[in-house]
PDB file of all heavy atoms in Angstrom:
ATOM      1  N   ASP A   1     106.096 130.440 118.095  1.00  0.00           N
ATOM      2  CA  ASP A   1     107.489 130.597 117.637  1.00  0.00           C
ATOM      3  C   ASP A   1     107.782 129.588 116.548  1.00  0.00           C
ATOM      4  O   ASP A   1     108.291 128.508 116.844  1.00  0.00           O
ATOM      5  CB  ASP A   1     108.452 130.451 118.843  1.00  0.00           C
ATOM      6  CG  ASP A   1     109.893 130.600 118.425  1.00  0.00           C
ATOM      7  OD1 ASP A   1     110.174 130.827 117.243  1.00  0.00           O
ATOM      8  OD2 ASP A   1     110.792 130.493 119.289  1.00  0.00           O
ATOM      9  N   VAL A   2     107.421 129.930 115.323  1.00  0.00           N
ATOM     10  CA  VAL A   2     107.632 128.991 114.222  1.00  0.00           C
ATOM     11  C   VAL A   2     108.542 129.616 113.176  1.00  0.00           C
ATOM     12  O   VAL A   2     108.419 130.805 112.774  1.00  0.00           O
ATOM     13  CB  VAL A   2     106.245 128.520 113.533  1.00  0.00           C
ATOM     14  CG1 VAL A   2     105.483 129.800 113.119  1.00  0.00           C
ATOM     15  CG2 VAL A   2     106.514 127.598 112.372  1.00  0.00           C
ATOM     16  N   THR A   3     109.525 128.826 112.722  1.00  0.00           N
ATOM     17  CA  THR A   3     110.439 129.195 111.673  1.00  0.00           C
ATOM     18  C   THR A   3     110.555 128.042 110.703  1.00  0.00           C
ATOM     19  O   THR A   3     109.992 126.953 110.958  1.00  0.00           O
ATOM     20  CB  THR A   3     111.825 129.513 112.241  1.00  0.00           C
ATOM     21  OG1 THR A   3     112.238 128.430 113.126  1.00  0.00           O
ATOM     22  CG2 THR A   3     111.849 130.803 113.057  1.00  0.00           C
ATOM     23  N   ILE A   4     111.212 128.303 109.633  1.00  0.00           N
ATOM     24  CA  ILE A   4     111.346 127.250 108.538  1.00  0.00           C
ATOM     25  C   ILE A   4     112.758 127.210 108.077  1.00  0.00           C
ATOM     26  O   ILE A   4     113.573 128.054 108.355  1.00  0.00           O
ATOM     27  CB  ILE A   4     110.404 127.535 107.346  1.00  0.00           C
ATOM     28  CG1 ILE A   4     110.770 128.819 106.679  1.00  0.00           C
ATOM     29  CG2 ILE A   4     108.976 127.526 107.817  1.00  0.00           C
ATOM     30  CD1 ILE A   4     109.924 129.172 105.435  1.00  0.00           C
ATOM     31  N   ASP A   5     113.132 126.095 107.368  1.00  0.00           N
ATOM     32  CA  ASP A   5     114.379 126.064 106.690  1.00  0.00           C
ATOM     33  C   ASP A   5     114.158 125.564 105.258  1.00  0.00           C
ATOM     34  O   ASP A   5     113.140 125.031 104.968  1.00  0.00           O
ATOM     35  CB  ASP A   5     115.431 125.254 107.405  1.00  0.00           C
ATOM     36  CG  ASP A   5     115.061 123.776 107.690  1.00  0.00           C
ATOM     37  OD1 ASP A   5     114.966 122.995 106.735  1.00  0.00           O
ATOM     38  OD2 ASP A   5     114.849 123.427 108.874  1.00  0.00           O
ATOM     39  N   GLN A   6     115.201 125.701 104.420  1.00  0.00           N
ATOM     40  CA  GLN A   6     115.041 125.451 102.942  1.00  0.00           C
ATOM     41  C   GLN A   6     116.400 125.115 102.350  1.00  0.00           C
ATOM     42  O   GLN A   6     117.398 125.693 102.735  1.00  0.00           O
ATOM     43  CB  GLN A   6     114.478 126.735 102.306  1.00  0.00           C
ATOM     44  CG  GLN A   6     114.443 126.704 100.822  1.00  0.00           C
ATOM     45  CD  GLN A   6     114.178 128.119 100.237  1.00  0.00           C
ATOM     46  OE1 GLN A   6     114.655 129.133 100.788  1.00  0.00           O
ATOM     47  NE2 GLN A   6     113.448 128.206  99.193  1.00  0.00           N
ATOM     48  N   TYR A   7     116.402 124.195 101.374  1.00  0.00           N
ATOM     49  CA  TYR A   7     117.560 124.100 100.565  1.00  0.00           C
ATOM     50  C   TYR A   7     117.308 124.712  99.210  1.00  0.00           C
ATOM     51  O   TYR A   7     116.142 124.661  98.666  1.00  0.00           O
ATOM     52  CB  TYR A   7     118.028 122.638 100.380  1.00  0.00           C
ATOM     53  CG  TYR A   7     116.949 121.595 100.058  1.00  0.00           C
ATOM     54  CD1 TYR A   7     116.443 121.426  98.763  1.00  0.00           C
ATOM     55  CD2 TYR A   7     116.474 120.811 101.106  1.00  0.00           C
ATOM     56  CE1 TYR A   7     115.463 120.482  98.536  1.00  0.00           C
ATOM     57  CE2 TYR A   7     115.498 119.833 100.836  1.00  0.00           C
ATOM     58  CZ  TYR A   7     114.983 119.725  99.542  1.00  0.00           C
ATOM     59  OH  TYR A   7     113.991 118.815  99.280  1.00  0.00           O
ATOM     60  N   PRO A   8     118.244 125.423  98.551  1.00  0.00           N
ATOM     61  CA  PRO A   8     117.944 126.238  97.393  1.00  0.00           C
ATOM     62  C   PRO A   8     117.977 125.547  96.095  1.00  0.00           C
ATOM     63  O   PRO A   8     118.799 125.866  95.147  1.00  0.00           O
ATOM     64  CB  PRO A   8     119.082 127.301  97.513  1.00  0.00           C
ATOM     65  CG  PRO A   8     120.259 126.546  98.125  1.00  0.00           C
ATOM     66  CD  PRO A   8     119.625 125.572  99.075  1.00  0.00           C
ATOM     67  N   TYR A   9     117.186 124.519  95.981  1.00  0.00           N
ATOM     68  CA  TYR A   9     117.144 123.696  94.771  1.00  0.00           C
ATOM     69  C   TYR A   9     115.714 123.320  94.490  1.00  0.00           C
ATOM     70  O   TYR A   9     114.836 123.386  95.376  1.00  0.00           O
ATOM     71  CB  TYR A   9     117.959 122.386  94.967  1.00  0.00           C
ATOM     72  CG  TYR A   9     119.432 122.601  95.225  1.00  0.00           C
ATOM     73  CD1 TYR A   9     119.898 122.790  96.474  1.00  0.00           C
ATOM     74  CD2 TYR A   9     120.345 122.536  94.148  1.00  0.00           C
ATOM     75  CE1 TYR A   9     121.317 122.975  96.721  1.00  0.00           C
ATOM     76  CE2 TYR A   9     121.707 122.713  94.405  1.00  0.00           C
ATOM     77  CZ  TYR A   9     122.156 122.941  95.661  1.00  0.00           C
ATOM     78  OH  TYR A   9     123.497 123.078  95.902  1.00  0.00           O
ATOM     79  N   THR A  10     115.468 122.918  93.192  1.00  0.00           N
ATOM     80  CA  THR A  10     114.090 122.492  92.780  1.00  0.00           C
ATOM     81  C   THR A  10     113.888 121.008  92.838  1.00  0.00           C
ATOM     82  O   THR A  10     112.939 120.527  92.302  1.00  0.00           O
ATOM     83  CB  THR A  10     113.781 123.028  91.422  1.00  0.00           C
ATOM     84  OG1 THR A  10     114.798 122.605  90.462  1.00  0.00           O
ATOM     85  CG2 THR A  10     113.742 124.550  91.392  1.00  0.00           C
ATOM     86  N   ALA A  11     114.777 120.296  93.441  1.00  0.00           N
ATOM     87  CA  ALA A  11     114.721 118.844  93.575  1.00  0.00           C
ATOM     88  C   ALA A  11     114.888 118.465  95.014  1.00  0.00           C
ATOM     89  O   ALA A  11     115.684 119.097  95.752  1.00  0.00           O
ATOM     90  CB  ALA A  11     115.673 118.088  92.713  1.00  0.00           C
ATOM     91  N   SER A  12     114.190 117.427  95.473  1.00  0.00           N
ATOM     92  CA  SER A  12     114.347 116.871  96.800  1.00  0.00           C
ATOM     93  C   SER A  12     115.181 115.595  96.760  1.00  0.00           C
ATOM     94  O   SER A  12     115.496 115.129  95.647  1.00  0.00           O
ATOM     95  CB  SER A  12     112.977 116.664  97.436  1.00  0.00           C
ATOM     96  OG  SER A  12     112.217 115.720  96.678  1.00  0.00           O
ATOM     97  N   SER A  13     115.377 114.986  97.874  1.00  0.00           N
ATOM     98  CA  SER A  13     116.085 113.724  97.882  1.00  0.00           C
ATOM     99  C   SER A  13     115.707 112.926  99.118  1.00  0.00           C
ATOM    100  O   SER A  13     115.765 113.478 100.288  1.00  0.00           O
ATOM    101  CB  SER A  13     117.616 113.917  97.851  1.00  0.00           C
ATOM    102  OG  SER A  13     118.296 112.663  97.776  1.00  0.00           O
ATOM    103  N   THR A  14     115.331 111.665  98.949  1.00  0.00           N
ATOM    104  CA  THR A  14     115.015 110.818 100.052  1.00  0.00           C
ATOM    105  C   THR A  14     114.921 109.368  99.537  1.00  0.00           C
ATOM    106  O   THR A  14     115.372 109.134  98.433  1.00  0.00           O
ATOM    107  CB  THR A  14     113.685 111.212 100.704  1.00  0.00           C
ATOM    108  OG1 THR A  14     113.480 110.500 101.913  1.00  0.00           O
ATOM    109  CG2 THR A  14     112.493 111.038  99.779  1.00  0.00           C
ATOM    110  N   SER A  15     114.346 108.461 100.292  1.00  0.00           N
ATOM    111  CA  SER A  15     114.263 107.092  99.899  1.00  0.00           C
ATOM    112  C   SER A  15     113.255 106.868  98.791  1.00  0.00           C
ATOM    113  O   SER A  15     112.208 107.526  98.779  1.00  0.00           O
ATOM    114  CB  SER A  15     113.917 106.216 101.103  1.00  0.00           C
ATOM    115  OG  SER A  15     113.529 104.908 100.714  1.00  0.00           O
ATOM    116  N   ILE A  16     113.559 105.986  97.882  1.00  0.00           N
ATOM    117  CA  ILE A  16     112.603 105.608  96.841  1.00  0.00           C
ATOM    118  C   ILE A  16     111.329 105.039  97.414  1.00  0.00           C
ATOM    119  O   ILE A  16     110.274 105.043  96.766  1.00  0.00           O
ATOM    120  CB  ILE A  16     113.263 104.597  95.849  1.00  0.00           C
ATOM    121  CG1 ILE A  16     112.541 104.609  94.534  1.00  0.00           C
ATOM    122  CG2 ILE A  16     113.308 103.203  96.445  1.00  0.00           C
ATOM    123  CD1 ILE A  16     112.979 105.698  93.580  1.00  0.00           C
ATOM    124  N   SER A  17     111.380 104.569  98.625  1.00  0.00           N
ATOM    125  CA  SER A  17     110.236 103.974  99.337  1.00  0.00           C
ATOM    126  C   SER A  17     109.108 104.965  99.478  1.00  0.00           C
ATOM    127  O   SER A  17     107.931 104.551  99.604  1.00  0.00           O
ATOM    128  CB  SER A  17     110.585 103.410 100.682  1.00  0.00           C
ATOM    129  OG  SER A  17     110.991 104.430 101.578  1.00  0.00           O
ATOM    130  N   THR A  18     109.387 106.282  99.436  1.00  0.00           N
ATOM    131  CA  THR A  18     108.331 107.258  99.587  1.00  0.00           C
ATOM    132  C   THR A  18     107.339 107.279  98.421  1.00  0.00           C
ATOM    133  O   THR A  18     106.321 107.901  98.505  1.00  0.00           O
ATOM    134  CB  THR A  18     108.931 108.653  99.794  1.00  0.00           C
ATOM    135  OG1 THR A  18     109.794 108.976  98.710  1.00  0.00           O
ATOM    136  CG2 THR A  18     109.686 108.699 101.077  1.00  0.00           C
ATOM    137  N   LEU A  19     107.723 106.554  97.328  1.00  0.00           N
ATOM    138  CA  LEU A  19     106.754 106.474  96.198  1.00  0.00           C
ATOM    139  C   LEU A  19     105.643 105.474  96.528  1.00  0.00           C
ATOM    140  O   LEU A  19     104.617 105.477  95.864  1.00  0.00           O
ATOM    141  CB  LEU A  19     107.520 105.966  94.944  1.00  0.00           C
ATOM    142  CG  LEU A  19     108.497 106.978  94.328  1.00  0.00           C
ATOM    143  CD1 LEU A  19     109.261 106.324  93.169  1.00  0.00           C
ATOM    144  CD2 LEU A  19     107.738 108.229  93.853  1.00  0.00           C
ATOM    145  N   LEU A  20     105.791 104.628  97.552  1.00  0.00           N
ATOM    146  CA  LEU A  20     104.867 103.610  97.900  1.00  0.00           C
ATOM    147  C   LEU A  20     103.969 104.077  99.034  1.00  0.00           C
ATOM    148  O   LEU A  20     104.355 104.870  99.834  1.00  0.00           O
ATOM    149  CB  LEU A  20     105.540 102.277  98.318  1.00  0.00           C
ATOM    150  CG  LEU A  20     106.063 101.355  97.190  1.00  0.00           C
ATOM    151  CD1 LEU A  20     107.147 102.013  96.370  1.00  0.00           C
ATOM    152  CD2 LEU A  20     106.539 100.052  97.812  1.00  0.00           C
ATOM    153  N   PRO A  21     102.686 103.563  99.119  1.00  0.00           N
ATOM    154  CA  PRO A  21     101.892 103.843 100.269  1.00  0.00           C
ATOM    155  C   PRO A  21     102.514 103.478 101.555  1.00  0.00           C
ATOM    156  O   PRO A  21     103.109 102.386 101.686  1.00  0.00           O
ATOM    157  CB  PRO A  21     100.633 103.088  99.986  1.00  0.00           C
ATOM    158  CG  PRO A  21     100.656 102.618  98.576  1.00  0.00           C
ATOM    159  CD  PRO A  21     102.109 102.608  98.197  1.00  0.00           C
ATOM    160  N   GLY A  22     102.370 104.287 102.588  1.00  0.00           N
ATOM    161  CA  GLY A  22     103.046 104.030 103.865  1.00  0.00           C
ATOM    162  C   GLY A  22     102.641 102.741 104.532  1.00  0.00           C
ATOM    163  O   GLY A  22     103.414 102.105 105.188  1.00  0.00           O
ATOM    164  N   GLU A  23     101.345 102.372 104.387  1.00  0.00           N
ATOM    165  CA  GLU A  23     100.874 101.182 105.114  1.00  0.00           C
ATOM    166  C   GLU A  23     101.521  99.916 104.578  1.00  0.00           C
ATOM    167  O   GLU A  23     101.581  98.874 105.304  1.00  0.00           O
ATOM    168  CB  GLU A  23      99.375 101.039 104.981  1.00  0.00           C
ATOM    169  CG  GLU A  23      98.823 100.947 103.535  1.00  0.00           C
ATOM    170  CD  GLU A  23      98.483 102.294 102.934  1.00  0.00           C
ATOM    171  OE1 GLU A  23      99.068 103.287 103.345  1.00  0.00           O
ATOM    172  OE2 GLU A  23      97.619 102.288 102.014  1.00  0.00           O
ATOM    173  N   VAL A  24     102.098  99.938 103.394  1.00  0.00           N
ATOM    174  CA  VAL A  24     102.783  98.745 102.854  1.00  0.00           C
ATOM    175  C   VAL A  24     104.192  98.560 103.484  1.00  0.00           C
ATOM    176  O   VAL A  24     104.717  97.467 103.429  1.00  0.00           O
ATOM    177  CB  VAL A  24     102.916  98.899 101.322  1.00  0.00           C
ATOM    178  CG1 VAL A  24     103.668  97.706 100.687  1.00  0.00           C
ATOM    179  CG2 VAL A  24     101.510  98.960 100.715  1.00  0.00           C
ATOM    180  N   LEU A  25     104.687  99.600 104.120  1.00  0.00           N
ATOM    181  CA  LEU A  25     106.122  99.571 104.558  1.00  0.00           C
ATOM    182  C   LEU A  25     106.277  99.193 106.001  1.00  0.00           C
ATOM    183  O   LEU A  25     107.401  99.253 106.488  1.00  0.00           O
ATOM    184  CB  LEU A  25     106.735 100.957 104.288  1.00  0.00           C
ATOM    185  CG  LEU A  25     106.614 101.473 102.858  1.00  0.00           C
ATOM    186  CD1 LEU A  25     107.119 102.897 102.759  1.00  0.00           C
ATOM    187  CD2 LEU A  25     107.417 100.570 101.890  1.00  0.00           C
ATOM    188  N   ALA A  26     105.228  98.790 106.649  1.00  0.00           N
ATOM    189  CA  ALA A  26     105.307  98.442 108.084  1.00  0.00           C
ATOM    190  C   ALA A  26     106.130  97.194 108.332  1.00  0.00           C
ATOM    191  O   ALA A  26     106.208  96.336 107.498  1.00  0.00           O
ATOM    192  CB  ALA A  26     103.904  98.323 108.725  1.00  0.00           C
ATOM    193  N   ASP A  27     106.707  97.129 109.516  1.00  0.00           N
ATOM    194  CA  ASP A  27     107.312  95.874 110.107  1.00  0.00           C
ATOM    195  C   ASP A  27     108.523  95.387 109.481  1.00  0.00           C
ATOM    196  O   ASP A  27     108.946  94.204 109.617  1.00  0.00           O
ATOM    197  CB  ASP A  27     106.238  94.744 110.113  1.00  0.00           C
ATOM    198  CG  ASP A  27     104.948  95.150 110.788  1.00  0.00           C
ATOM    199  OD1 ASP A  27     105.009  95.793 111.856  1.00  0.00           O
ATOM    200  OD2 ASP A  27     103.892  94.902 110.233  1.00  0.00           O
ATOM    201  N   GLY A  28     109.298  96.167 108.720  1.00  0.00           N
ATOM    202  CA  GLY A  28     110.608  95.751 108.246  1.00  0.00           C
ATOM    203  C   GLY A  28     110.651  95.249 106.808  1.00  0.00           C
ATOM    204  O   GLY A  28     109.590  94.929 106.214  1.00  0.00           O
ATOM    205  N   GLN A  29     111.868  95.102 106.295  1.00  0.00           N
ATOM    206  CA  GLN A  29     112.040  94.686 104.906  1.00  0.00           C
ATOM    207  C   GLN A  29     111.448  93.381 104.553  1.00  0.00           C
ATOM    208  O   GLN A  29     110.906  93.179 103.457  1.00  0.00           O
ATOM    209  CB  GLN A  29     113.575  94.714 104.553  1.00  0.00           C
ATOM    210  CG  GLN A  29     113.891  94.303 103.151  1.00  0.00           C
ATOM    211  CD  GLN A  29     113.304  95.227 102.071  1.00  0.00           C
ATOM    212  OE1 GLN A  29     113.061  96.378 102.353  1.00  0.00           O
ATOM    213  NE2 GLN A  29     113.115  94.696 100.885  1.00  0.00           N
ATOM    214  N   ASP A  30     111.566  92.329 105.447  1.00  0.00           N
ATOM    215  CA  ASP A  30     111.014  91.054 105.138  1.00  0.00           C
ATOM    216  C   ASP A  30     109.523  91.111 104.945  1.00  0.00           C
ATOM    217  O   ASP A  30     108.931  90.477 104.057  1.00  0.00           O
ATOM    218  CB  ASP A  30     111.303  90.079 106.256  1.00  0.00           C
ATOM    219  CG  ASP A  30     112.781  89.674 106.257  1.00  0.00           C
ATOM    220  OD1 ASP A  30     113.493  89.912 105.253  1.00  0.00           O
ATOM    221  OD2 ASP A  30     113.261  89.178 107.330  1.00  0.00           O
ATOM    222  N   SER A  31     108.828  91.958 105.797  1.00  0.00           N
ATOM    223  CA  SER A  31     107.378  92.059 105.680  1.00  0.00           C
ATOM    224  C   SER A  31     106.996  92.843 104.406  1.00  0.00           C
ATOM    225  O   SER A  31     106.027  92.489 103.744  1.00  0.00           O
ATOM    226  CB  SER A  31     106.827  92.864 106.902  1.00  0.00           C
ATOM    227  OG  SER A  31     107.088  92.091 108.081  1.00  0.00           O
ATOM    228  N   VAL A  32     107.804  93.846 104.054  1.00  0.00           N
ATOM    229  CA  VAL A  32     107.575  94.598 102.855  1.00  0.00           C
ATOM    230  C   VAL A  32     107.663  93.696 101.609  1.00  0.00           C
ATOM    231  O   VAL A  32     106.819  93.698 100.753  1.00  0.00           O
ATOM    232  CB  VAL A  32     108.512  95.771 102.746  1.00  0.00           C
ATOM    233  CG1 VAL A  32     108.380  96.495 101.344  1.00  0.00           C
ATOM    234  CG2 VAL A  32     108.313  96.770 103.835  1.00  0.00           C
ATOM    235  N   ARG A  33     108.741  92.902 101.588  1.00  0.00           N
ATOM    236  CA  ARG A  33     108.943  91.984 100.494  1.00  0.00           C
ATOM    237  C   ARG A  33     107.792  90.982 100.338  1.00  0.00           C
ATOM    238  O   ARG A  33     107.343  90.658  99.254  1.00  0.00           O
ATOM    239  CB  ARG A  33     110.298  91.253 100.682  1.00  0.00           C
ATOM    240  CG  ARG A  33     110.691  90.443  99.440  1.00  0.00           C
ATOM    241  CD  ARG A  33     112.041  89.725  99.657  1.00  0.00           C
ATOM    242  NE  ARG A  33     113.154  90.662  99.754  1.00  0.00           N
ATOM    243  CZ  ARG A  33     113.842  90.924 100.804  1.00  0.00           C
ATOM    244  NH1 ARG A  33     113.572  90.370 101.954  1.00  0.00           N
ATOM    245  NH2 ARG A  33     114.855  91.770 100.755  1.00  0.00           N
ATOM    246  N   ALA A  34     107.386  90.467 101.509  1.00  0.00           N
ATOM    247  CA  ALA A  34     106.278  89.453 101.525  1.00  0.00           C
ATOM    248  C   ALA A  34     105.028  90.110 100.962  1.00  0.00           C
ATOM    249  O   ALA A  34     104.287  89.471 100.175  1.00  0.00           O
ATOM    250  CB  ALA A  34     106.056  88.953 102.908  1.00  0.00           C
ATOM    251  N   ARG A  35     104.723  91.341 101.366  1.00  0.00           N
ATOM    252  CA  ARG A  35     103.486  91.992 100.919  1.00  0.00           C
ATOM    253  C   ARG A  35     103.567  92.231  99.387  1.00  0.00           C
ATOM    254  O   ARG A  35     102.589  92.010  98.645  1.00  0.00           O
ATOM    255  CB  ARG A  35     103.301  93.310 101.616  1.00  0.00           C
ATOM    256  CG  ARG A  35     102.919  93.219 103.078  1.00  0.00           C
ATOM    257  CD  ARG A  35     102.498  94.580 103.646  1.00  0.00           C
ATOM    258  NE  ARG A  35     102.388  94.510 105.105  1.00  0.00           N
ATOM    259  CZ  ARG A  35     103.277  94.914 105.938  1.00  0.00           C
ATOM    260  NH1 ARG A  35     104.379  95.481 105.514  1.00  0.00           N
ATOM    261  NH2 ARG A  35     103.137  94.753 107.250  1.00  0.00           N
ATOM    262  N   LEU A  36     104.680  92.726  98.902  1.00  0.00           N
ATOM    263  CA  LEU A  36     104.804  93.041  97.506  1.00  0.00           C
ATOM    264  C   LEU A  36     104.797  91.817  96.599  1.00  0.00           C
ATOM    265  O   LEU A  36     104.585  91.955  95.349  1.00  0.00           O
ATOM    266  CB  LEU A  36     106.102  93.870  97.272  1.00  0.00           C
ATOM    267  CG  LEU A  36     106.105  95.261  97.860  1.00  0.00           C
ATOM    268  CD1 LEU A  36     107.456  95.930  97.613  1.00  0.00           C
ATOM    269  CD2 LEU A  36     104.977  96.100  97.315  1.00  0.00           C
ATOM    270  N   GLN A  37     104.924  90.627  97.166  1.00  0.00           N
ATOM    271  CA  GLN A  37     104.820  89.421  96.369  1.00  0.00           C
ATOM    272  C   GLN A  37     103.367  88.966  96.196  1.00  0.00           C
ATOM    273  O   GLN A  37     103.092  88.146  95.294  1.00  0.00           O
ATOM    274  CB  GLN A  37     105.640  88.311  97.057  1.00  0.00           C
ATOM    275  CG  GLN A  37     107.136  88.413  96.935  1.00  0.00           C
ATOM    276  CD  GLN A  37     107.885  87.422  97.743  1.00  0.00           C
ATOM    277  OE1 GLN A  37     107.351  86.843  98.704  1.00  0.00           O
ATOM    278  NE2 GLN A  37     109.147  87.150  97.367  1.00  0.00           N
ATOM    279  N   ARG A  38     102.451  89.581  96.956  1.00  0.00           N
ATOM    280  CA  ARG A  38     101.069  89.236  96.849  1.00  0.00           C
ATOM    281  C   ARG A  38     100.455  90.060  95.703  1.00  0.00           C
ATOM    282  O   ARG A  38     100.534  91.301  95.679  1.00  0.00           O
ATOM    283  CB  ARG A  38     100.323  89.506  98.154  1.00  0.00           C
ATOM    284  CG  ARG A  38     100.808  88.612  99.277  1.00  0.00           C
ATOM    285  CD  ARG A  38     100.325  89.120 100.625  1.00  0.00           C
ATOM    286  NE  ARG A  38      98.844  89.229 100.706  1.00  0.00           N
ATOM    287  CZ  ARG A  38      98.177  89.796 101.679  1.00  0.00           C
ATOM    288  NH1 ARG A  38      98.915  90.263 102.722  1.00  0.00           N
ATOM    289  NH2 ARG A  38      96.880  89.909 101.673  1.00  0.00           N
ATOM    290  N   PRO A  39      99.804  89.421  94.656  1.00  0.00           N
ATOM    291  CA  PRO A  39      99.305  90.132  93.546  1.00  0.00           C
ATOM    292  C   PRO A  39      98.356  91.287  93.882  1.00  0.00           C
ATOM    293  O   PRO A  39      98.458  92.354  93.269  1.00  0.00           O
ATOM    294  CB  PRO A  39      98.565  89.014  92.739  1.00  0.00           C
ATOM    295  CG  PRO A  39      99.272  87.806  93.131  1.00  0.00           C
ATOM    296  CD  PRO A  39      99.601  87.967  94.603  1.00  0.00           C
ATOM    297  N   GLU A  40      97.452  91.088  94.852  1.00  0.00           N
ATOM    298  CA  GLU A  40      96.521  92.165  95.195  1.00  0.00           C
ATOM    299  C   GLU A  40      97.213  93.398  95.784  1.00  0.00           C
ATOM    300  O   GLU A  40      96.796  94.510  95.520  1.00  0.00           O
ATOM    301  CB  GLU A  40      95.411  91.589  96.124  1.00  0.00           C
ATOM    302  CG  GLU A  40      95.862  91.212  97.502  1.00  0.00           C
ATOM    303  CD  GLU A  40      96.383  89.808  97.617  1.00  0.00           C
ATOM    304  OE1 GLU A  40      96.740  89.233  96.609  1.00  0.00           O
ATOM    305  OE2 GLU A  40      96.370  89.294  98.745  1.00  0.00           O
ATOM    306  N   ILE A  41      98.274  93.142  96.590  1.00  0.00           N
ATOM    307  CA  ILE A  41      98.972  94.216  97.196  1.00  0.00           C
ATOM    308  C   ILE A  41      99.807  94.962  96.139  1.00  0.00           C
ATOM    309  O   ILE A  41      99.832  96.194  96.050  1.00  0.00           O
ATOM    310  CB  ILE A  41      99.947  93.765  98.300  1.00  0.00           C
ATOM    311  CG1 ILE A  41      99.102  93.158  99.473  1.00  0.00           C
ATOM    312  CG2 ILE A  41     100.753  94.930  98.844  1.00  0.00           C
ATOM    313  CD1 ILE A  41      98.187  94.121 100.229  1.00  0.00           C
ATOM    314  N   ARG A  42     100.421  94.150  95.274  1.00  0.00           N
ATOM    315  CA  ARG A  42     101.230  94.735  94.180  1.00  0.00           C
ATOM    316  C   ARG A  42     100.336  95.615  93.287  1.00  0.00           C
ATOM    317  O   ARG A  42     100.731  96.733  92.898  1.00  0.00           O
ATOM    318  CB  ARG A  42     101.858  93.574  93.369  1.00  0.00           C
ATOM    319  CG  ARG A  42     102.768  94.017  92.236  1.00  0.00           C
ATOM    320  CD  ARG A  42     103.443  92.818  91.585  1.00  0.00           C
ATOM    321  NE  ARG A  42     104.521  92.340  92.476  1.00  0.00           N
ATOM    322  CZ  ARG A  42     105.747  92.211  92.084  1.00  0.00           C
ATOM    323  NH1 ARG A  42     106.146  92.562  90.871  1.00  0.00           N
ATOM    324  NH2 ARG A  42     106.638  91.745  92.934  1.00  0.00           N
ATOM    325  N   ASN A  43      99.159  95.143  92.952  1.00  0.00           N
ATOM    326  CA  ASN A  43      98.257  95.975  92.083  1.00  0.00           C
ATOM    327  C   ASN A  43      97.781  97.176  92.795  1.00  0.00           C
ATOM    328  O   ASN A  43      97.685  98.283  92.169  1.00  0.00           O
ATOM    329  CB  ASN A  43      97.051  95.054  91.667  1.00  0.00           C
ATOM    330  CG  ASN A  43      97.444  94.025  90.688  1.00  0.00           C
ATOM    331  OD1 ASN A  43      98.408  94.173  89.908  1.00  0.00           O
ATOM    332  ND2 ASN A  43      96.690  92.932  90.646  1.00  0.00           N
ATOM    333  N   TYR A  44      97.566  97.107  94.088  1.00  0.00           N
ATOM    334  CA  TYR A  44      97.177  98.321  94.876  1.00  0.00           C
ATOM    335  C   TYR A  44      98.315  99.304  94.871  1.00  0.00           C
ATOM    336  O   TYR A  44      98.055 100.527  94.675  1.00  0.00           O
ATOM    337  CB  TYR A  44      96.871  97.843  96.305  1.00  0.00           C
ATOM    338  CG  TYR A  44      96.778  99.002  97.299  1.00  0.00           C
ATOM    339  CD1 TYR A  44      95.736  99.906  97.268  1.00  0.00           C
ATOM    340  CD2 TYR A  44      97.754  99.192  98.254  1.00  0.00           C
ATOM    341  CE1 TYR A  44      95.647 100.987  98.160  1.00  0.00           C
ATOM    342  CE2 TYR A  44      97.697 100.219  99.150  1.00  0.00           C
ATOM    343  CZ  TYR A  44      96.638 101.098  99.117  1.00  0.00           C
ATOM    344  OH  TYR A  44      96.532 102.154  99.990  1.00  0.00           O
TER     345      TYR A  44
END
């Protein structure tokens, strides 16, 4: 019993964070900020 839903537009909307790899976003904003300050993580 599977159905679907749809919005009638050609654009989506969500957090800008979805542009980043998921593994970088673990453990809250402080952890995310700390990771992104590391050059190797930033380059990745």
